[in-house]
Every structure is written in structure tokens, then in C-alpha cells.
N, C-alpha and C. Protein backbone atom coordinates (compact mmCIF):
# COMPACT_ATOMS: atom_id res chain seq x y z
N MET A 1 -9.31 -4.26 2.66
CA MET A 1 -7.96 -4.74 2.79
C MET A 1 -7.68 -5.74 1.67
N ILE A 2 -6.57 -5.57 1.06
CA ILE A 2 -6.15 -6.44 -0.04
C ILE A 2 -5.27 -7.54 0.54
N GLY A 3 -5.33 -8.69 -0.04
CA GLY A 3 -4.44 -9.74 0.46
C GLY A 3 -4.80 -11.08 -0.10
N GLY A 4 -4.35 -12.08 0.57
CA GLY A 4 -4.61 -13.44 0.15
C GLY A 4 -3.42 -14.31 0.45
N SER A 5 -3.58 -15.58 0.14
CA SER A 5 -2.51 -16.53 0.46
C SER A 5 -1.33 -16.43 -0.51
N ASN A 6 -1.53 -15.76 -1.66
CA ASN A 6 -0.44 -15.66 -2.63
C ASN A 6 0.42 -14.42 -2.44
N MET A 7 0.26 -13.71 -1.33
CA MET A 7 1.07 -12.53 -1.05
C MET A 7 2.46 -12.96 -0.59
N LYS A 8 3.48 -12.39 -1.23
CA LYS A 8 4.86 -12.69 -0.83
C LYS A 8 5.57 -11.38 -0.51
N LEU A 9 6.02 -11.24 0.72
CA LEU A 9 6.77 -10.06 1.11
C LEU A 9 8.10 -10.08 0.37
N PHE A 10 8.40 -9.02 -0.38
CA PHE A 10 9.69 -8.99 -1.08
C PHE A 10 10.58 -7.86 -0.62
N ALA A 11 10.03 -6.88 0.11
CA ALA A 11 10.88 -5.79 0.63
C ALA A 11 10.18 -5.11 1.78
N SER A 12 10.97 -4.59 2.69
CA SER A 12 10.51 -3.80 3.82
C SER A 12 11.44 -2.61 3.92
N ARG A 13 10.87 -1.43 3.99
CA ARG A 13 11.70 -0.22 4.07
C ARG A 13 11.24 0.64 5.24
N LYS A 14 12.19 1.20 5.92
CA LYS A 14 11.89 2.13 7.00
C LYS A 14 11.89 3.54 6.41
N VAL A 15 10.85 4.29 6.72
CA VAL A 15 10.72 5.67 6.25
C VAL A 15 10.58 6.56 7.49
N GLY A 16 11.40 7.56 7.57
CA GLY A 16 11.37 8.41 8.75
C GLY A 16 11.89 7.65 9.96
N ASP A 17 11.43 8.05 11.14
CA ASP A 17 11.91 7.44 12.38
C ASP A 17 11.12 6.19 12.78
N HIS A 18 9.82 6.16 12.47
CA HIS A 18 8.98 5.12 13.05
C HIS A 18 8.16 4.31 12.05
N LEU A 19 8.16 4.68 10.80
CA LEU A 19 7.25 4.05 9.85
C LEU A 19 7.97 3.00 9.01
N GLN A 20 7.36 1.83 8.93
CA GLN A 20 7.88 0.77 8.07
C GLN A 20 6.84 0.49 6.99
N ILE A 21 7.32 0.41 5.76
CA ILE A 21 6.45 0.10 4.63
C ILE A 21 6.87 -1.27 4.10
N ASP A 22 5.89 -2.17 4.01
CA ASP A 22 6.13 -3.51 3.49
C ASP A 22 5.60 -3.58 2.06
N PHE A 23 6.34 -4.26 1.21
CA PHE A 23 5.96 -4.43 -0.19
C PHE A 23 5.73 -5.92 -0.46
N TYR A 24 4.53 -6.24 -0.94
CA TYR A 24 4.15 -7.62 -1.23
C TYR A 24 3.98 -7.79 -2.73
N ASP A 25 4.46 -8.91 -3.23
CA ASP A 25 4.36 -9.21 -4.64
C ASP A 25 3.07 -9.99 -4.91
N LEU A 26 2.21 -9.44 -5.76
CA LEU A 26 0.95 -10.08 -6.17
C LEU A 26 0.94 -10.32 -7.68
N SER A 27 2.11 -10.40 -8.28
CA SER A 27 2.24 -10.49 -9.73
C SER A 27 1.67 -11.79 -10.29
N THR A 28 1.22 -11.71 -11.55
CA THR A 28 0.70 -12.88 -12.24
C THR A 28 1.20 -12.90 -13.68
N ARG A 29 1.33 -14.09 -14.21
CA ARG A 29 1.66 -14.25 -15.62
C ARG A 29 0.33 -14.16 -16.37
N TYR A 30 0.30 -13.39 -17.45
CA TYR A 30 -0.98 -13.30 -18.15
C TYR A 30 -0.92 -13.74 -19.61
N TYR A 31 0.26 -13.78 -20.22
CA TYR A 31 0.32 -14.27 -21.60
C TYR A 31 1.75 -14.64 -21.92
N GLY A 32 2.00 -15.89 -22.24
CA GLY A 32 3.34 -16.32 -22.62
C GLY A 32 4.37 -15.95 -21.58
N ASP A 33 5.32 -15.12 -21.97
CA ASP A 33 6.41 -14.71 -21.10
C ASP A 33 6.14 -13.36 -20.43
N PHE A 34 4.92 -12.85 -20.53
CA PHE A 34 4.61 -11.53 -20.00
C PHE A 34 3.81 -11.60 -18.71
N HIS A 35 4.12 -10.67 -17.83
CA HIS A 35 3.52 -10.64 -16.50
C HIS A 35 2.87 -9.29 -16.22
N LYS A 36 1.88 -9.34 -15.34
CA LYS A 36 1.31 -8.13 -14.77
C LYS A 36 1.94 -8.03 -13.37
N VAL A 37 2.82 -7.08 -13.21
CA VAL A 37 3.47 -6.89 -11.91
C VAL A 37 2.55 -6.06 -11.04
N ARG A 38 2.15 -6.64 -9.92
CA ARG A 38 1.30 -5.96 -8.94
C ARG A 38 2.03 -6.00 -7.60
N ILE A 39 2.22 -4.84 -7.03
CA ILE A 39 2.88 -4.70 -5.74
C ILE A 39 1.90 -4.04 -4.78
N LEU A 40 1.75 -4.61 -3.62
CA LEU A 40 0.94 -4.01 -2.57
C LEU A 40 1.88 -3.34 -1.58
N ALA A 41 1.77 -2.03 -1.47
CA ALA A 41 2.53 -1.27 -0.48
C ALA A 41 1.63 -1.11 0.74
N ARG A 42 2.15 -1.47 1.89
CA ARG A 42 1.33 -1.47 3.11
C ARG A 42 2.09 -0.80 4.25
N ALA A 43 1.46 0.20 4.84
CA ALA A 43 2.04 0.89 6.00
C ALA A 43 1.04 0.80 7.15
N TYR A 44 1.52 0.45 8.31
CA TYR A 44 0.69 0.28 9.49
C TYR A 44 1.04 1.36 10.50
N PHE A 45 0.04 2.11 10.92
CA PHE A 45 0.22 3.16 11.93
C PHE A 45 -0.45 2.69 13.22
N PRO A 46 0.33 2.28 14.24
CA PRO A 46 -0.28 1.86 15.50
C PRO A 46 -0.89 3.06 16.22
N PRO A 47 -1.77 2.82 17.19
CA PRO A 47 -2.45 3.93 17.89
C PRO A 47 -1.50 4.98 18.46
N GLU A 48 -0.34 4.56 18.95
CA GLU A 48 0.58 5.54 19.54
C GLU A 48 1.16 6.51 18.51
N GLN A 49 1.08 6.16 17.23
CA GLN A 49 1.51 7.08 16.17
C GLN A 49 0.33 7.84 15.60
N ASN A 50 -0.82 7.68 16.19
CA ASN A 50 -2.05 8.27 15.68
C ASN A 50 -2.58 9.32 16.65
N ASN A 51 -1.69 10.09 17.25
CA ASN A 51 -2.03 11.16 18.19
C ASN A 51 -3.00 10.72 19.27
N GLY A 52 -2.75 9.56 19.85
CA GLY A 52 -3.56 9.09 20.96
C GLY A 52 -4.89 8.49 20.56
N ASN A 53 -5.21 8.50 19.29
CA ASN A 53 -6.43 7.86 18.82
C ASN A 53 -6.35 6.39 19.17
N GLN A 54 -7.46 5.77 19.52
CA GLN A 54 -7.45 4.37 19.94
C GLN A 54 -7.42 3.38 18.79
N GLN A 55 -7.53 3.86 17.56
CA GLN A 55 -7.55 2.96 16.41
C GLN A 55 -6.23 3.01 15.66
N SER A 56 -5.83 1.84 15.20
CA SER A 56 -4.66 1.79 14.31
C SER A 56 -5.15 2.06 12.89
N VAL A 57 -4.22 2.43 12.03
CA VAL A 57 -4.56 2.75 10.65
C VAL A 57 -3.69 1.92 9.73
N LEU A 58 -4.33 1.30 8.74
CA LEU A 58 -3.62 0.55 7.73
C LEU A 58 -3.78 1.28 6.41
N TYR A 59 -2.65 1.68 5.83
CA TYR A 59 -2.65 2.36 4.53
C TYR A 59 -2.15 1.38 3.49
N GLU A 60 -2.91 1.22 2.42
CA GLU A 60 -2.51 0.30 1.36
C GLU A 60 -2.64 0.99 0.01
N ARG A 61 -1.70 0.67 -0.87
CA ARG A 61 -1.73 1.18 -2.23
C ARG A 61 -1.22 0.08 -3.14
N THR A 62 -1.94 -0.16 -4.25
CA THR A 62 -1.52 -1.16 -5.22
C THR A 62 -0.80 -0.46 -6.36
N LEU A 63 0.37 -0.99 -6.72
CA LEU A 63 1.19 -0.45 -7.79
C LEU A 63 1.22 -1.50 -8.89
N GLU A 64 1.07 -1.08 -10.14
CA GLU A 64 0.99 -2.05 -11.24
C GLU A 64 1.81 -1.63 -12.45
N GLN A 65 2.28 -2.65 -13.16
CA GLN A 65 2.92 -2.46 -14.45
C GLN A 65 2.60 -3.68 -15.31
N MET A 66 2.11 -3.44 -16.51
CA MET A 66 1.73 -4.52 -17.42
C MET A 66 2.86 -4.83 -18.40
N GLY A 67 2.83 -6.05 -18.94
CA GLY A 67 3.72 -6.43 -20.04
C GLY A 67 5.17 -6.57 -19.67
N VAL A 68 5.46 -7.09 -18.49
CA VAL A 68 6.84 -7.22 -18.04
C VAL A 68 7.34 -8.63 -18.36
N PRO A 69 8.41 -8.75 -19.16
CA PRO A 69 8.97 -10.08 -19.44
C PRO A 69 9.55 -10.71 -18.16
N THR A 70 9.58 -12.02 -18.12
CA THR A 70 10.09 -12.75 -16.95
C THR A 70 11.47 -12.26 -16.53
N ALA A 71 12.34 -11.99 -17.48
CA ALA A 71 13.71 -11.56 -17.17
C ALA A 71 13.76 -10.22 -16.45
N ASN A 72 12.71 -9.42 -16.56
CA ASN A 72 12.71 -8.08 -15.96
C ASN A 72 11.83 -7.97 -14.71
N LEU A 73 11.33 -9.09 -14.19
CA LEU A 73 10.42 -9.03 -13.04
C LEU A 73 11.05 -8.36 -11.82
N ALA A 74 12.22 -8.77 -11.45
CA ALA A 74 12.86 -8.23 -10.24
C ALA A 74 13.10 -6.73 -10.36
N SER A 75 13.59 -6.30 -11.51
CA SER A 75 13.86 -4.86 -11.66
C SER A 75 12.56 -4.06 -11.72
N ALA A 76 11.50 -4.61 -12.29
CA ALA A 76 10.21 -3.91 -12.34
C ALA A 76 9.65 -3.75 -10.93
N ARG A 77 9.72 -4.80 -10.12
CA ARG A 77 9.27 -4.71 -8.72
C ARG A 77 10.04 -3.62 -7.98
N GLN A 78 11.34 -3.64 -8.14
CA GLN A 78 12.19 -2.67 -7.45
C GLN A 78 11.88 -1.24 -7.89
N ARG A 79 11.69 -1.03 -9.20
CA ARG A 79 11.36 0.30 -9.71
C ARG A 79 10.04 0.81 -9.14
N LEU A 80 9.02 -0.06 -9.09
CA LEU A 80 7.72 0.35 -8.54
C LEU A 80 7.85 0.73 -7.06
N ALA A 81 8.56 -0.08 -6.29
CA ALA A 81 8.74 0.21 -4.86
C ALA A 81 9.52 1.51 -4.66
N ASP A 82 10.60 1.70 -5.43
CA ASP A 82 11.41 2.91 -5.30
C ASP A 82 10.61 4.16 -5.68
N ALA A 83 9.82 4.07 -6.74
CA ALA A 83 9.00 5.21 -7.17
C ALA A 83 7.96 5.55 -6.11
N PHE A 84 7.37 4.53 -5.50
CA PHE A 84 6.40 4.77 -4.43
C PHE A 84 7.05 5.49 -3.26
N LEU A 85 8.20 5.02 -2.84
CA LEU A 85 8.90 5.66 -1.72
C LEU A 85 9.28 7.09 -2.05
N GLU A 86 9.74 7.32 -3.25
CA GLU A 86 10.17 8.66 -3.66
C GLU A 86 8.99 9.63 -3.73
N ASN A 87 7.86 9.16 -4.26
CA ASN A 87 6.72 10.06 -4.48
C ASN A 87 5.73 10.11 -3.33
N THR A 88 5.57 9.04 -2.60
CA THR A 88 4.54 8.98 -1.56
C THR A 88 5.11 8.92 -0.16
N GLY A 89 6.31 8.38 -0.01
CA GLY A 89 6.91 8.20 1.31
C GLY A 89 6.94 9.46 2.15
N ARG A 90 7.26 10.59 1.55
CA ARG A 90 7.35 11.83 2.33
C ARG A 90 6.00 12.28 2.87
N TYR A 91 4.91 11.91 2.19
CA TYR A 91 3.57 12.26 2.69
C TYR A 91 3.16 11.37 3.85
N LEU A 92 3.58 10.13 3.82
CA LEU A 92 3.22 9.18 4.87
C LEU A 92 3.81 9.55 6.21
N ILE A 93 4.95 10.24 6.23
CA ILE A 93 5.59 10.58 7.49
C ILE A 93 5.22 11.98 7.99
N LYS A 94 4.39 12.68 7.24
CA LYS A 94 3.96 14.00 7.70
C LYS A 94 3.09 13.87 8.95
N PRO A 95 3.25 14.79 9.90
CA PRO A 95 2.38 14.76 11.09
C PRO A 95 0.92 14.89 10.65
N GLY A 96 0.08 14.06 11.23
CA GLY A 96 -1.34 14.13 10.95
C GLY A 96 -1.81 13.24 9.80
N PHE A 97 -0.88 12.59 9.10
CA PHE A 97 -1.30 11.75 7.97
C PHE A 97 -2.21 10.62 8.42
N ALA A 98 -1.83 9.93 9.50
CA ALA A 98 -2.62 8.78 9.97
C ALA A 98 -4.04 9.22 10.35
N GLU A 99 -4.17 10.36 11.02
CA GLU A 99 -5.49 10.85 11.41
C GLU A 99 -6.35 11.17 10.19
N LYS A 100 -5.75 11.81 9.20
CA LYS A 100 -6.50 12.14 7.98
C LYS A 100 -6.91 10.88 7.23
N CYS A 101 -6.03 9.90 7.20
CA CYS A 101 -6.33 8.62 6.56
C CYS A 101 -7.50 7.93 7.27
N LEU A 102 -7.49 7.92 8.59
CA LEU A 102 -8.57 7.32 9.37
C LEU A 102 -9.88 8.07 9.13
N GLU A 103 -9.84 9.39 9.11
CA GLU A 103 -11.05 10.17 8.84
C GLU A 103 -11.64 9.85 7.48
N ARG A 104 -10.78 9.72 6.46
CA ARG A 104 -11.26 9.38 5.11
C ARG A 104 -11.92 8.00 5.08
N LYS A 105 -11.33 7.04 5.79
CA LYS A 105 -11.90 5.69 5.83
C LYS A 105 -13.26 5.69 6.52
N ILE A 106 -13.37 6.42 7.62
CA ILE A 106 -14.65 6.50 8.34
C ILE A 106 -15.69 7.18 7.47
N ARG A 107 -15.33 8.28 6.84
CA ARG A 107 -16.26 9.01 5.96
C ARG A 107 -16.71 8.14 4.80
N SER A 108 -15.78 7.39 4.23
CA SER A 108 -16.09 6.50 3.11
C SER A 108 -17.08 5.41 3.53
N ARG A 109 -16.87 4.83 4.70
CA ARG A 109 -17.79 3.80 5.20
C ARG A 109 -19.17 4.38 5.46
N GLN A 110 -19.22 5.59 6.01
CA GLN A 110 -20.51 6.22 6.28
C GLN A 110 -21.25 6.50 4.98
N GLU A 111 -20.54 6.96 3.97
CA GLU A 111 -21.17 7.25 2.68
C GLU A 111 -21.68 5.97 2.03
N LYS A 112 -20.92 4.88 2.12
CA LYS A 112 -21.36 3.61 1.55
C LYS A 112 -22.60 3.09 2.26
N ARG A 113 -22.63 3.22 3.58
CA ARG A 113 -23.79 2.74 4.34
C ARG A 113 -25.04 3.53 4.01
N GLY A 114 -24.90 4.82 3.82
CA GLY A 114 -26.06 5.67 3.59
C GLY A 114 -26.49 5.78 2.15
N TYR A 115 -25.75 5.16 1.23
CA TYR A 115 -26.00 5.35 -0.20
C TYR A 115 -27.35 4.85 -0.63
N PHE A 116 -27.81 3.70 -0.16
CA PHE A 116 -29.05 3.12 -0.61
C PHE A 116 -30.22 3.38 0.31
N ARG A 117 -30.02 4.15 1.32
CA ARG A 117 -31.13 4.46 2.25
C ARG A 117 -32.04 5.50 1.63
N ASN A 118 -33.31 5.40 1.98
CA ASN A 118 -34.31 6.39 1.51
C ASN A 118 -34.45 7.53 2.46
């Protein structure tokens, strides 16, 4: 899970009937007037949206753009969020997405645990 005390919620969008995607600004200044715009897109699937599975699912994706002047920060954030919704939003609301996401996370944890075993 990505996060920290410097996370600032800058937008929340509803996708479909039940899904809300929150966008957090993690941007930093890296040289003079230029910034690295980092946006954390976060969608939470409660158990009732997970086909009766007892676990909730948190989906996170980091969106980035380098070399953004201070004057263009707001528009760069908005463009990244809009592009995410346009390209990924329709997949997040597909039936079964939360279950597949949970399966991938479980499989990934199992692979990490077993990687160094003899």
C-alpha cells in the first residue's frame, strides 16, 4: 500500500453505480520550477462488492508525469486523473474485477514467500 502523511486528496470520482475512485497528490518539486507530478489512484472494493468474499480489495495505481512547471500543476493532475478514468475506469467496474485483483494479490504474496525457500 502506498501512502504517507504527505498524501492530499484532490479529487474523488464515482464510476459506475457503486465504485468511487480517490485521487491523491504525491507530487514533488525536483529542480527549480519543475515538478514530478505523482497521483495515486485508489479504489476500494468492500466485501459486498466482492461476490460474497469476506475480504475487501484495495486497488492502487500510481500515475506520473515529469518536468511539469508550477503553472501547469493543476492541469497536469487533472489530465492524469481523466486519462486514468478513460482508460482504466471501465475495467474496474467489470463484474469479477475485484475477485481477480484479490487472486493476483494472494498469488503474488505466495510467490514472494516461496521465492527464497529451498
